[in-house]
């Protein structure tokens, strides 16, 4: 339940921030330019996110099989 409420609070804060900034941007540079810059940022973020690898955790069976095979990784002295 706590995770659900935290997710809701985070979404609410993000939406309030977005609508406040979008309102100011539309008033200062216009509706078309404001929307173009917003969606340009979305596309830019999507492209950058493709270059960042997702963190993965090794399963315990993979770790055990490496220890059985003697694969401890290289050690430097």
PDB file of N, CA and C in Angstrom:
ATOM      1  N   UNK A   1       0.825  -1.193   0.000  1.00  0.00           N
ATOM      2  CA  UNK A   1       0.000   0.000   0.000  1.00  0.00           C
ATOM      3  C   UNK A   1       0.869   1.255   0.000  1.00  0.00           C
ATOM      4  N   UNK A   2       1.993   1.171   0.736  1.00  0.00           N
ATOM      5  CA  UNK A   2       2.891   2.322   0.807  1.00  0.00           C
ATOM      6  C   UNK A   2       3.485   2.636  -0.567  1.00  0.00           C
ATOM      7  N   UNK A   3       3.872   1.610  -1.311  1.00  0.00           N
ATOM      8  CA  UNK A   3       4.411   1.812  -2.651  1.00  0.00           C
ATOM      9  C   UNK A   3       3.396   2.445  -3.585  1.00  0.00           C
ATOM     10  N   UNK A   4       2.157   2.022  -3.467  1.00  0.00           N
ATOM     11  CA  UNK A   4       1.089   2.579  -4.289  1.00  0.00           C
ATOM     12  C   UNK A   4       0.891   4.066  -3.997  1.00  0.00           C
ATOM     13  N   UNK A   5       0.878   4.404  -2.723  1.00  0.00           N
ATOM     14  CA  UNK A   5       0.704   5.811  -2.349  1.00  0.00           C
ATOM     15  C   UNK A   5       1.908   6.667  -2.745  1.00  0.00           C
ATOM     16  N   UNK A   6       3.109   6.109  -2.640  1.00  0.00           N
ATOM     17  CA  UNK A   6       4.299   6.849  -3.061  1.00  0.00           C
ATOM     18  C   UNK A   6       4.295   7.072  -4.571  1.00  0.00           C
ATOM     19  N   UNK A   7       3.878   6.083  -5.328  1.00  0.00           N
ATOM     20  CA  UNK A   7       3.771   6.241  -6.774  1.00  0.00           C
ATOM     21  C   UNK A   7       2.754   7.299  -7.149  1.00  0.00           C
ATOM     22  N   UNK A   8       1.632   7.303  -6.451  1.00  0.00           N
ATOM     23  CA  UNK A   8       0.606   8.315  -6.705  1.00  0.00           C
ATOM     24  C   UNK A   8       1.131   9.711  -6.384  1.00  0.00           C
ATOM     25  N   UNK A   9       1.822   9.859  -5.247  1.00  0.00           N
ATOM     26  CA  UNK A   9       2.368  11.159  -4.848  1.00  0.00           C
ATOM     27  C   UNK A   9       3.416  11.640  -5.845  1.00  0.00           C
ATOM     28  N   UNK A  10       4.270  10.737  -6.321  1.00  0.00           N
ATOM     29  CA  UNK A  10       5.288  11.116  -7.298  1.00  0.00           C
ATOM     30  C   UNK A  10       4.646  11.562  -8.607  1.00  0.00           C
ATOM     31  N   UNK A  11       3.642  10.843  -9.064  1.00  0.00           N
ATOM     32  CA  UNK A  11       2.945  11.226 -10.288  1.00  0.00           C
ATOM     33  C   UNK A  11       2.236  12.554 -10.144  1.00  0.00           C
ATOM     34  N   UNK A  12       1.647  12.786  -8.994  1.00  0.00           N
ATOM     35  CA  UNK A  12       0.973  14.051  -8.744  1.00  0.00           C
ATOM     36  C   UNK A  12       1.959  15.213  -8.760  1.00  0.00           C
ATOM     37  N   UNK A  13       3.108  15.051  -8.116  1.00  0.00           N
ATOM     38  CA  UNK A  13       4.112  16.123  -8.099  1.00  0.00           C
ATOM     39  C   UNK A  13       4.665  16.396  -9.497  1.00  0.00           C
ATOM     40  N   UNK A  14       4.903  15.322 -10.255  1.00  0.00           N
ATOM     41  CA  UNK A  14       5.403  15.509 -11.619  1.00  0.00           C
ATOM     42  C   UNK A  14       4.378  16.213 -12.497  1.00  0.00           C
ATOM     43  N   UNK A  15       3.117  15.834 -12.380  1.00  0.00           N
ATOM     44  CA  UNK A  15       2.095  16.463 -13.218  1.00  0.00           C
ATOM     45  C   UNK A  15       1.906  17.935 -12.850  1.00  0.00           C
ATOM     46  N   UNK A  16       1.947  18.267 -11.570  1.00  0.00           N
ATOM     47  CA  UNK A  16       1.828  19.671 -11.167  1.00  0.00           C
ATOM     48  C   UNK A  16       2.997  20.478 -11.718  1.00  0.00           C
ATOM     49  N   UNK A  17       4.205  19.926 -11.617  1.00  0.00           N
ATOM     50  CA  UNK A  17       5.385  20.621 -12.153  1.00  0.00           C
ATOM     51  C   UNK A  17       5.274  20.800 -13.660  1.00  0.00           C
ATOM     52  N   UNK A  18       4.858  19.734 -14.353  1.00  0.00           N
ATOM     53  CA  UNK A  18       4.744  19.808 -15.807  1.00  0.00           C
ATOM     54  C   UNK A  18       3.725  20.845 -16.236  1.00  0.00           C
ATOM     55  N   UNK A  19       2.536  20.814 -15.642  1.00  0.00           N
ATOM     56  CA  UNK A  19       1.490  21.745 -16.063  1.00  0.00           C
ATOM     57  C   UNK A  19       1.861  23.190 -15.752  1.00  0.00           C
ATOM     58  N   UNK A  20       2.566  23.414 -14.650  1.00  0.00           N
ATOM     59  CA  UNK A  20       3.004  24.768 -14.325  1.00  0.00           C
ATOM     60  C   UNK A  20       4.038  25.252 -15.342  1.00  0.00           C
ATOM     61  N   UNK A  21       5.001  24.399 -15.675  1.00  0.00           N
ATOM     62  CA  UNK A  21       6.020  24.781 -16.654  1.00  0.00           C
ATOM     63  C   UNK A  21       5.434  24.897 -18.055  1.00  0.00           C
ATOM     64  N   UNK A  22       4.523  23.982 -18.414  1.00  0.00           N
ATOM     65  CA  UNK A  22       3.917  24.027 -19.746  1.00  0.00           C
ATOM     66  C   UNK A  22       3.096  25.297 -19.919  1.00  0.00           C
ATOM     67  N   UNK A  23       2.385  25.693 -18.887  1.00  0.00           N
ATOM     68  CA  UNK A  23       1.578  26.914 -18.958  1.00  0.00           C
ATOM     69  C   UNK A  23       2.471  28.138 -19.198  1.00  0.00           C
ATOM     70  N   UNK A  24       3.571  28.221 -18.466  1.00  0.00           N
ATOM     71  CA  UNK A  24       4.501  29.343 -18.655  1.00  0.00           C
ATOM     72  C   UNK A  24       5.153  29.318 -20.038  1.00  0.00           C
ATOM     73  N   UNK A  25       5.509  28.131 -20.514  1.00  0.00           N
ATOM     74  CA  UNK A  25       6.146  28.023 -21.826  1.00  0.00           C
ATOM     75  C   UNK A  25       5.179  28.406 -22.940  1.00  0.00           C
ATOM     76  N   UNK A  26       3.939  27.954 -22.848  1.00  0.00           N
ATOM     77  CA  UNK A  26       2.950  28.269 -23.883  1.00  0.00           C
ATOM     78  C   UNK A  26       2.669  29.768 -23.910  1.00  0.00           C
ATOM     79  N   UNK A  27       2.628  30.395 -22.739  1.00  0.00           N
ATOM     80  CA  UNK A  27       2.398  31.837 -22.692  1.00  0.00           C
ATOM     81  C   UNK A  27       3.575  32.633 -23.233  1.00  0.00           C
ATOM     82  N   UNK A  28       4.794  32.125 -23.054  1.00  0.00           N
ATOM     83  CA  UNK A  28       5.960  32.912 -23.472  1.00  0.00           C
ATOM     84  C   UNK A  28       6.388  32.641 -24.917  1.00  0.00           C
ATOM     85  N   UNK A  29       6.352  31.384 -25.376  1.00  0.00           N
ATOM     86  CA  UNK A  29       6.843  31.118 -26.738  1.00  0.00           C
ATOM     87  C   UNK A  29       5.751  30.636 -27.683  1.00  0.00           C
ATOM     88  N   UNK A  30       4.560  30.403 -27.203  1.00  0.00           N
ATOM     89  CA  UNK A  30       3.460  29.983 -28.065  1.00  0.00           C
ATOM     90  C   UNK A  30       3.167  28.503 -27.949  1.00  0.00           C
ATOM     91  N   UNK A  31       1.955  28.153 -28.369  1.00  0.00           N
ATOM     92  CA  UNK A  31       1.473  26.777 -28.242  1.00  0.00           C
ATOM     93  C   UNK A  31       2.281  25.806 -29.099  1.00  0.00           C
ATOM     94  N   UNK A  32       2.505  26.156 -30.356  1.00  0.00           N
ATOM     95  CA  UNK A  32       3.197  25.242 -31.272  1.00  0.00           C
ATOM     96  C   UNK A  32       4.639  25.009 -30.847  1.00  0.00           C
ATOM     97  N   UNK A  33       5.373  26.076 -30.575  1.00  0.00           N
ATOM     98  CA  UNK A  33       6.775  25.919 -30.169  1.00  0.00           C
ATOM     99  C   UNK A  33       6.885  25.195 -28.830  1.00  0.00           C
ATOM    100  N   UNK A  34       5.997  25.499 -27.905  1.00  0.00           N
ATOM    101  CA  UNK A  34       6.022  24.816 -26.615  1.00  0.00           C
ATOM    102  C   UNK A  34       5.832  23.315 -26.757  1.00  0.00           C
ATOM    103  N   UNK A  35       4.875  22.911 -27.581  1.00  0.00           N
ATOM    104  CA  UNK A  35       4.637  21.487 -27.805  1.00  0.00           C
ATOM    105  C   UNK A  35       5.772  20.838 -28.580  1.00  0.00           C
ATOM    106  N   UNK A  36       6.324  21.538 -29.564  1.00  0.00           N
ATOM    107  CA  UNK A  36       7.450  20.977 -30.321  1.00  0.00           C
ATOM    108  C   UNK A  36       8.663  20.737 -29.431  1.00  0.00           C
ATOM    109  N   UNK A  37       8.976  21.694 -28.576  1.00  0.00           N
ATOM    110  CA  UNK A  37      10.115  21.526 -27.669  1.00  0.00           C
ATOM    111  C   UNK A  37       9.859  20.414 -26.662  1.00  0.00           C
ATOM    112  N   UNK A  38       8.625  20.306 -26.187  1.00  0.00           N
ATOM    113  CA  UNK A  38       8.307  19.236 -25.241  1.00  0.00           C
ATOM    114  C   UNK A  38       8.506  17.870 -25.884  1.00  0.00           C
ATOM    115  N   UNK A  39       7.907  17.652 -27.054  1.00  0.00           N
ATOM    116  CA  UNK A  39       8.025  16.347 -27.692  1.00  0.00           C
ATOM    117  C   UNK A  39       9.432  16.097 -28.222  1.00  0.00           C
ATOM    118  N   UNK A  40      10.145  17.160 -28.563  1.00  0.00           N
ATOM    119  CA  UNK A  40      11.561  17.007 -28.911  1.00  0.00           C
ATOM    120  C   UNK A  40      12.362  16.494 -27.720  1.00  0.00           C
ATOM    121  N   UNK A  41      12.048  16.992 -26.531  1.00  0.00           N
ATOM    122  CA  UNK A  41      12.702  16.506 -25.316  1.00  0.00           C
ATOM    123  C   UNK A  41      12.365  15.062 -25.019  1.00  0.00           C
ATOM    124  N   UNK A  42      11.122  14.677 -25.279  1.00  0.00           N
ATOM    125  CA  UNK A  42      10.714  13.282 -25.076  1.00  0.00           C
ATOM    126  C   UNK A  42      11.505  12.363 -26.007  1.00  0.00           C
ATOM    127  N   UNK A  43      11.631  12.740 -27.267  1.00  0.00           N
ATOM    128  CA  UNK A  43      12.384  11.933 -28.238  1.00  0.00           C
ATOM    129  C   UNK A  43      13.855  11.872 -27.842  1.00  0.00           C
ATOM    130  N   UNK A  44      14.425  13.005 -27.441  1.00  0.00           N
ATOM    131  CA  UNK A  44      15.824  13.052 -27.023  1.00  0.00           C
ATOM    132  C   UNK A  44      16.049  12.132 -25.816  1.00  0.00           C
ATOM    133  N   UNK A  45      15.157  12.187 -24.850  1.00  0.00           N
ATOM    134  CA  UNK A  45      15.277  11.321 -23.676  1.00  0.00           C
ATOM    135  C   UNK A  45      15.183   9.854 -24.079  1.00  0.00           C
ATOM    136  N   UNK A  46      14.284   9.528 -24.992  1.00  0.00           N
ATOM    137  CA  UNK A  46      14.147   8.148 -25.451  1.00  0.00           C
ATOM    138  C   UNK A  46      15.405   7.641 -26.133  1.00  0.00           C
ATOM    139  N   UNK A  47      16.040   8.493 -26.922  1.00  0.00           N
ATOM    140  CA  UNK A  47      17.280   8.097 -27.605  1.00  0.00           C
ATOM    141  C   UNK A  47      18.391   7.880 -26.593  1.00  0.00           C
ATOM    142  N   UNK A  48      18.531   8.801 -25.642  1.00  0.00           N
ATOM    143  CA  UNK A  48      19.577   8.672 -24.633  1.00  0.00           C
ATOM    144  C   UNK A  48      19.334   7.447 -23.757  1.00  0.00           C
ATOM    145  N   UNK A  49      18.083   7.163 -23.423  1.00  0.00           N
ATOM    146  CA  UNK A  49      17.769   6.019 -22.560  1.00  0.00           C
ATOM    147  C   UNK A  49      18.135   4.694 -23.226  1.00  0.00           C
ATOM    148  N   UNK A  50      18.169   4.643 -24.554  1.00  0.00           N
ATOM    149  CA  UNK A  50      18.562   3.408 -25.245  1.00  0.00           C
ATOM    150  C   UNK A  50      20.047   3.107 -25.081  1.00  0.00           C
ATOM    151  N   UNK A  51      20.863   4.110 -24.808  1.00  0.00           N
ATOM    152  CA  UNK A  51      22.299   3.906 -24.660  1.00  0.00           C
ATOM    153  C   UNK A  51      22.708   3.544 -23.234  1.00  0.00           C
ATOM    154  N   UNK A  52      21.808   3.690 -22.273  1.00  0.00           N
ATOM    155  CA  UNK A  52      22.117   3.380 -20.887  1.00  0.00           C
ATOM    156  C   UNK A  52      21.638   1.960 -20.608  1.00  0.00           C
ATOM    157  N   UNK A  53      22.539   1.058 -20.227  1.00  0.00           N
ATOM    158  CA  UNK A  53      22.108  -0.331 -19.999  1.00  0.00           C
ATOM    159  C   UNK A  53      21.275  -0.464 -18.734  1.00  0.00           C
ATOM    160  N   UNK A  54      20.341  -1.387 -18.777  1.00  0.00           N
ATOM    161  CA  UNK A  54      19.505  -1.677 -17.619  1.00  0.00           C
ATOM    162  C   UNK A  54      20.315  -2.505 -16.626  1.00  0.00           C
ATOM    163  N   UNK A  55      20.246  -2.179 -15.347  1.00  0.00           N
ATOM    164  CA  UNK A  55      20.976  -3.001 -14.364  1.00  0.00           C
ATOM    165  C   UNK A  55      20.305  -4.369 -14.209  1.00  0.00           C
ATOM    166  N   UNK A  56      21.110  -5.393 -14.161  1.00  0.00           N
ATOM    167  CA  UNK A  56      20.582  -6.743 -13.992  1.00  0.00           C
ATOM    168  C   UNK A  56      21.294  -7.405 -12.824  1.00  0.00           C
ATOM    169  N   UNK A  57      20.603  -8.275 -12.161  1.00  0.00           N
ATOM    170  CA  UNK A  57      21.177  -9.036 -11.064  1.00  0.00           C
ATOM    171  C   UNK A  57      21.422 -10.455 -11.540  1.00  0.00           C
ATOM    172  N   UNK A  58      22.599 -10.991 -11.188  1.00  0.00           N
ATOM    173  CA  UNK A  58      22.904 -12.371 -11.551  1.00  0.00           C
ATOM    174  C   UNK A  58      22.108 -13.297 -10.643  1.00  0.00           C
ATOM    175  N   UNK A  59      21.510 -14.317 -11.231  1.00  0.00           N
ATOM    176  CA  UNK A  59      20.756 -15.259 -10.415  1.00  0.00           C
ATOM    177  C   UNK A  59      21.722 -16.100  -9.581  1.00  0.00           C
ATOM    178  N   UNK A  60      21.233 -16.664  -8.511  1.00  0.00           N
ATOM    179  CA  UNK A  60      22.099 -17.444  -7.619  1.00  0.00           C
ATOM    180  C   UNK A  60      22.626 -18.697  -8.312  1.00  0.00           C
ATOM    181  N   UNK A  61      21.891 -19.262  -9.272  1.00  0.00           N
ATOM    182  CA  UNK A  61      22.369 -20.451  -9.980  1.00  0.00           C
ATOM    183  C   UNK A  61      23.570 -20.104 -10.862  1.00  0.00           C
ATOM    184  N   UNK A  62      23.598 -18.899 -11.444  1.00  0.00           N
ATOM    185  CA  UNK A  62      24.749 -18.486 -12.251  1.00  0.00           C
ATOM    186  C   UNK A  62      25.988 -18.333 -11.390  1.00  0.00           C
ATOM    187  N   UNK A  63      25.831 -17.790 -10.207  1.00  0.00           N
ATOM    188  CA  UNK A  63      26.965 -17.589  -9.306  1.00  0.00           C
ATOM    189  C   UNK A  63      27.502 -18.932  -8.840  1.00  0.00           C
ATOM    190  N   UNK A  64      26.606 -19.872  -8.517  1.00  0.00           N
ATOM    191  CA  UNK A  64      27.040 -21.198  -8.063  1.00  0.00           C
ATOM    192  C   UNK A  64      27.768 -21.952  -9.164  1.00  0.00           C
ATOM    193  N   UNK A  65      27.284 -21.857 -10.407  1.00  0.00           N
ATOM    194  CA  UNK A  65      27.927 -22.585 -11.504  1.00  0.00           C
ATOM    195  C   UNK A  65      29.305 -22.016 -11.803  1.00  0.00           C
ATOM    196  N   UNK A  66      29.488 -20.718 -11.642  1.00  0.00           N
ATOM    197  CA  UNK A  66      30.811 -20.131 -11.859  1.00  0.00           C
ATOM    198  C   UNK A  66      31.791 -20.588 -10.785  1.00  0.00           C
ATOM    199  N   UNK A  67      31.309 -20.721  -9.542  1.00  0.00           N
ATOM    200  CA  UNK A  67      32.186 -21.180  -8.471  1.00  0.00           C
ATOM    201  C   UNK A  67      32.573 -22.637  -8.668  1.00  0.00           C
ATOM    202  N   UNK A  68      31.643 -23.466  -9.168  1.00  0.00           N
ATOM    203  CA  UNK A  68      31.955 -24.872  -9.415  1.00  0.00           C
ATOM    204  C   UNK A  68      33.016 -25.018 -10.498  1.00  0.00           C
ATOM    205  N   UNK A  69      32.937 -24.193 -11.529  1.00  0.00           N
ATOM    206  CA  UNK A  69      33.856 -24.286 -12.647  1.00  0.00           C
ATOM    207  C   UNK A  69      35.188 -23.609 -12.348  1.00  0.00           C
ATOM    208  N   UNK A  70      35.314 -22.983 -11.211  1.00  0.00           N
ATOM    209  CA  UNK A  70      36.574 -22.348 -10.851  1.00  0.00           C
ATOM    210  C   UNK A  70      36.743 -20.984 -11.473  1.00  0.00           C
ATOM    211  N   UNK A  71      35.685 -20.407 -12.017  1.00  0.00           N
ATOM    212  CA  UNK A  71      35.765 -19.092 -12.657  1.00  0.00           C
ATOM    213  C   UNK A  71      35.553 -18.017 -11.586  1.00  0.00           C
ATOM    214  N   UNK A  72      36.636 -17.578 -10.999  1.00  0.00           N
ATOM    215  CA  UNK A  72      36.559 -16.550  -9.959  1.00  0.00           C
ATOM    216  C   UNK A  72      36.861 -15.163 -10.501  1.00  0.00           C
ATOM    217  N   UNK A  73      37.138 -15.064 -11.770  1.00  0.00           N
ATOM    218  CA  UNK A  73      37.529 -13.777 -12.345  1.00  0.00           C
ATOM    219  C   UNK A  73      39.025 -13.591 -12.214  1.00  0.00           C
ATOM    220  N   UNK A  74      39.559 -12.654 -12.950  1.00  0.00           N
ATOM    221  CA  UNK A  74      40.981 -12.419 -12.900  1.00  0.00           C
ATOM    222  C   UNK A  74      41.336 -11.612 -11.672  1.00  0.00           C
ATOM    223  N   UNK A  75      42.391 -12.003 -11.049  1.00  0.00           N
ATOM    224  CA  UNK A  75      42.871 -11.258  -9.887  1.00  0.00           C
ATOM    225  C   UNK A  75      44.169 -10.569 -10.257  1.00  0.00           C
ATOM    226  N   UNK A  76      44.260  -9.313  -9.916  1.00  0.00           N
ATOM    227  CA  UNK A  76      45.484  -8.568 -10.205  1.00  0.00           C
ATOM    228  C   UNK A  76      46.256  -8.413  -8.922  1.00  0.00           C
ATOM    229  N   UNK A  77      47.576  -8.418  -9.050  1.00  0.00           N
ATOM    230  CA  UNK A  77      48.410  -8.297  -7.865  1.00  0.00           C
ATOM    231  C   UNK A  77      49.039  -6.956  -7.782  1.00  0.00           C
TER     232      UNK A  77
END
